Protein backbone atom coordinates (compact mmCIF):
# COMPACT_ATOMS: atom_id res chain seq x y z
CA MET A 1 43.17 39.87 32.74
CA GLY A 2 44.12 38.70 29.68
CA PHE A 3 43.82 35.11 30.83
CA ILE A 4 40.62 35.65 32.02
CA ILE A 5 39.02 37.08 28.91
CA ASP A 6 41.62 34.16 27.45
CA LEU A 7 39.40 31.07 29.84
CA ILE A 8 35.77 33.13 29.34
CA GLY A 9 36.47 32.69 25.36
CA ALA A 10 37.40 29.21 25.72
CA ALA A 11 34.35 28.04 27.67
CA ILE A 12 31.95 29.88 24.78
CA ILE A 13 33.37 28.18 22.33
CA GLY A 14 33.70 24.77 24.43
CA SER A 15 30.30 25.37 24.66
CA MET A 16 29.66 26.22 21.13
CA LEU A 17 30.80 23.48 20.04
CA VAL A 18 29.35 20.87 22.80
CA LEU A 19 25.50 22.87 21.44
CA MET A 20 26.58 22.07 17.97
CA MET A 21 27.73 17.90 18.93
CA MET A 22 24.30 17.72 20.67
CA THR A 23 22.30 19.01 17.81
CA PHE A 24 24.34 16.70 15.60
CA GLN A 25 23.65 13.52 17.53
CA TYR A 26 20.29 14.67 17.71
CA GLN A 27 19.56 15.55 13.76
CA MET A 28 21.35 12.08 13.02
CA HIS A 29 19.06 10.33 15.13
CA GLU A 30 16.18 12.04 13.39
CA ALA A 31 17.62 10.89 10.08
CA VAL A 32 17.91 6.90 11.19
CA ASP A 33 14.63 6.99 12.77
CA ARG A 34 13.40 8.44 9.70
CA SER A 35 15.56 5.98 7.49
CA LEU A 36 14.07 2.81 9.95
CA TYR A 37 10.68 3.98 8.99
CA THR A 38 10.97 4.44 5.59
CA MET A 39 12.15 1.27 5.32
CA ASN A 40 9.35 -0.23 7.45
CA MET A 41 6.74 1.80 4.73
CA ILE A 42 9.09 0.30 1.71
CA ASP A 43 7.96 -3.74 3.02
CA VAL A 44 4.87 -3.03 3.32
CA MET A 45 4.42 -1.53 -0.09
CA ASP A 46 5.82 -4.63 -1.34
CA GLN A 47 3.47 -6.76 0.74
CA THR A 48 0.58 -4.88 -0.22
CA ALA A 49 1.62 -4.83 -4.69
CA THR A 50 2.16 -8.83 -4.06
CA LYS A 51 -1.03 -9.41 -2.05
CA LEU A 52 -3.20 -7.85 -4.11
CA ASN A 53 -1.73 -9.21 -7.28
CA SER A 54 -1.93 -12.47 -5.85
CA VAL A 55 -5.93 -11.89 -5.23
CA ILE A 56 -6.21 -10.08 -8.54
CA ALA A 57 -4.64 -12.71 -10.95
CA LEU A 58 -7.20 -15.24 -9.61
CA ALA A 59 -10.17 -13.30 -10.68
CA GLY A 60 -12.64 -15.92 -12.91
CA VAL A 61 -10.67 -19.20 -12.40
CA GLY A 62 -13.69 -21.66 -13.68
CA LEU A 63 -15.63 -18.37 -15.07
CA SER A 64 -16.57 -17.07 -18.73
CA PRO A 65 -13.76 -14.10 -19.01
CA THR A 66 -17.09 -11.68 -19.45
CA THR A 67 -18.78 -13.03 -16.39
CA ALA A 68 -15.16 -12.63 -14.00
CA ILE A 69 -15.54 -8.85 -12.97
CA LYS A 70 -19.01 -8.38 -11.31
CA PHE A 71 -18.02 -4.29 -10.19
CA ALA A 72 -15.31 -2.32 -11.61
CA THR A 73 -15.47 1.20 -10.25
CA GLN A 74 -12.56 3.52 -9.88
CA ASP A 75 -12.58 2.91 -5.99
CA SER A 76 -13.01 -0.82 -5.92
CA LEU A 77 -13.14 -3.95 -7.16
CA VAL A 78 -15.62 -6.86 -7.00
CA PHE A 79 -15.22 -10.05 -9.03
CA SER A 80 -16.12 -14.02 -9.19
CA THR A 81 -14.27 -16.74 -8.81
CA TYR A 82 -13.84 -20.48 -7.73
CA TRP A 83 -10.61 -20.04 -5.76
CA ASP A 84 -11.06 -20.08 -1.98
CA PHE A 85 -8.45 -18.12 -0.86
CA GLN A 86 -9.55 -18.44 2.70
CA ASN A 87 -8.44 -22.40 2.21
CA ASP A 88 -6.30 -21.56 -0.87
CA THR A 89 -7.95 -24.11 -3.27
CA ILE A 90 -10.45 -24.62 -6.10
CA SER A 91 -13.97 -25.07 -4.41
CA GLY A 92 -17.50 -26.17 -6.29
CA SER A 93 -19.22 -23.23 -5.33
CA LYS A 94 -18.53 -19.46 -6.52
CA LYS A 95 -16.75 -17.02 -4.29
CA THR A 96 -17.26 -13.29 -4.82
CA LEU A 97 -14.36 -11.09 -3.80
CA SER A 98 -14.03 -7.60 -3.30
CA ILE A 99 -11.04 -5.66 -2.72
CA LYS A 100 -12.11 -1.43 -1.16
CA LEU A 101 -10.50 0.98 0.76
CA SER A 102 -12.40 1.17 4.29
CA SER A 103 -14.48 3.81 5.17
CA VAL A 104 -13.48 3.91 9.04
CA PRO A 105 -9.53 4.87 9.48
CA SER A 106 -7.29 3.12 11.86
CA PRO A 107 -4.60 3.91 14.22
CA TYR A 108 -2.41 2.32 11.19
CA GLY A 109 -3.89 4.67 8.50
CA THR A 110 -7.25 3.51 6.28
CA ALA A 111 -7.21 0.19 5.59
CA VAL A 112 -7.73 -1.59 2.18
CA VAL A 113 -10.10 -4.67 3.24
CA ILE A 114 -10.26 -7.59 1.05
CA ARG A 115 -13.68 -9.59 1.46
CA GLN A 116 -13.99 -13.10 0.38
CA ASN A 117 -18.35 -13.37 0.05
CA GLY A 118 -18.53 -10.23 2.52
CA VAL A 119 -16.18 -12.01 5.20
CA PRO A 120 -12.51 -10.86 5.14
CA LEU A 121 -9.96 -13.30 4.61
CA THR A 122 -7.86 -13.76 7.80
CA ASP A 123 -4.31 -14.09 5.82
CA LEU A 124 -4.77 -11.43 3.29
CA GLY A 125 -7.63 -9.25 4.80
CA TYR A 126 -6.44 -5.73 5.92
CA LEU A 127 -4.10 -3.77 4.01
CA PHE A 128 -2.62 -0.72 6.45
CA TRP A 129 -1.18 2.87 6.42
CA ILE A 130 -2.66 3.57 2.87
CA ASN A 131 -4.17 7.05 2.12
CA GLU A 132 -5.72 6.32 -1.30
CA LEU A 133 -6.69 3.26 -3.75
CA LYS A 134 -7.70 3.53 -7.14
CA PHE A 135 -8.48 1.27 -9.90
CA ARG A 136 -8.27 2.06 -13.74
CA TYR A 137 -9.16 -0.70 -16.27
CA TYR A 138 -8.16 -2.17 -19.57
CA THR A 139 -9.10 -4.74 -22.15
CA LYS A 140 -6.85 -7.41 -23.38
CA THR A 141 -5.55 -4.94 -26.36
CA ASP A 142 -4.35 -2.27 -23.24
CA VAL A 143 -7.65 0.41 -24.49
CA LEU A 144 -8.87 2.18 -21.23
CA THR A 145 -12.47 0.70 -20.22
CA THR A 146 -15.17 1.20 -17.26
CA THR A 147 -16.80 -2.00 -18.91
CA ALA A 148 -16.81 -4.97 -16.03
CA SER A 149 -17.46 -7.54 -18.84
CA ALA A 150 -14.39 -6.07 -21.09
CA ALA A 151 -11.40 -5.23 -17.97
CA ARG A 152 -9.36 -8.28 -18.42
CA SER A 153 -5.97 -5.90 -16.32
CA ALA A 154 -6.20 -3.28 -13.66
CA GLU A 155 -3.50 -0.66 -12.66
CA VAL A 156 -3.77 -0.35 -9.36
CA ARG A 157 -2.64 3.53 -7.33
CA ILE A 158 -2.07 3.25 -4.36
CA SER A 159 -0.93 6.36 -2.12
CA PHE A 160 0.66 5.37 1.37
CA PHE A 161 0.62 7.82 4.78
CA ARG A 162 2.41 7.20 8.25
CA ASN A 163 2.82 9.99 10.49
CA PRO A 164 7.13 11.44 11.06
CA PRO A 165 9.05 9.18 13.87
CA ARG A 166 8.80 12.40 15.99
CA SER A 167 6.60 14.89 16.13
CA GLY A 168 6.70 18.14 14.15
CA GLY A 169 8.50 16.07 11.45
CA LYS A 170 7.50 15.87 7.79
CA PRO A 171 4.93 13.08 7.10
CA ILE A 172 6.24 9.89 5.16
CA ILE A 173 3.84 9.60 1.94
CA THR A 174 4.68 7.03 -1.17
CA LYS A 175 2.98 6.47 -4.04
CA LEU A 176 3.01 2.82 -5.76
CA GLN A 177 1.43 1.85 -9.21
CA PHE A 178 1.00 -1.30 -10.88
CA LYS A 179 -0.24 -3.64 -13.36
CA CYS A 180 -2.85 -6.28 -12.37
CA TYR A 181 -3.83 -8.92 -15.01
CA PHE A 182 -6.74 -11.00 -14.48
CA MET A 183 -5.01 -13.73 -15.34
CA ASN A 184 -7.43 -16.61 -16.41
CA ALA A 185 -9.98 -13.93 -17.93
CA TYR A 186 -6.98 -12.35 -19.98
CA MET A 187 -5.68 -15.94 -21.53
CA GLN A 188 -9.15 -17.40 -22.05
CA GLY A 189 -9.35 -14.09 -24.50
CA ALA A 190 -11.62 -11.33 -24.94
């Protein structure tokens, strides 16, 4: 009789160990998936910051600093430049570029749309998985301003949102804050 009780006890302990191993494997797999998603999100954040900085830096090429920025609102930036981003060259005509959060969500979250003369740029056009985009503008002496003609730099705040790799998990939310200078307007002075 003691032998049967020992066998039953061993079976229970063995099944508990197998269950613990299965749970550990599942949690390990979920942690790896989440790490890969987070790594991908960091890459998207880096690309977004690089693209936005390269666009914003060339605001006002060939223009007076006071006329470079057309609209400087909390949720969008519109500026003029002689730089043609579509062809990556200086052009003979003035271009208007706008950076704004799209009003239509996509399967990849809400996108930031960069437009040149109303047409989305093909190589910079959409930046995905963005939940929020906010701008704050500063003068040459780093004083906060709401006047477009006085703005020489912009602080960009972006919130990224991505659904979890598995249902029931927590969404991945990251925030990024960086400062971009309107280099041509900034270097020409106030």
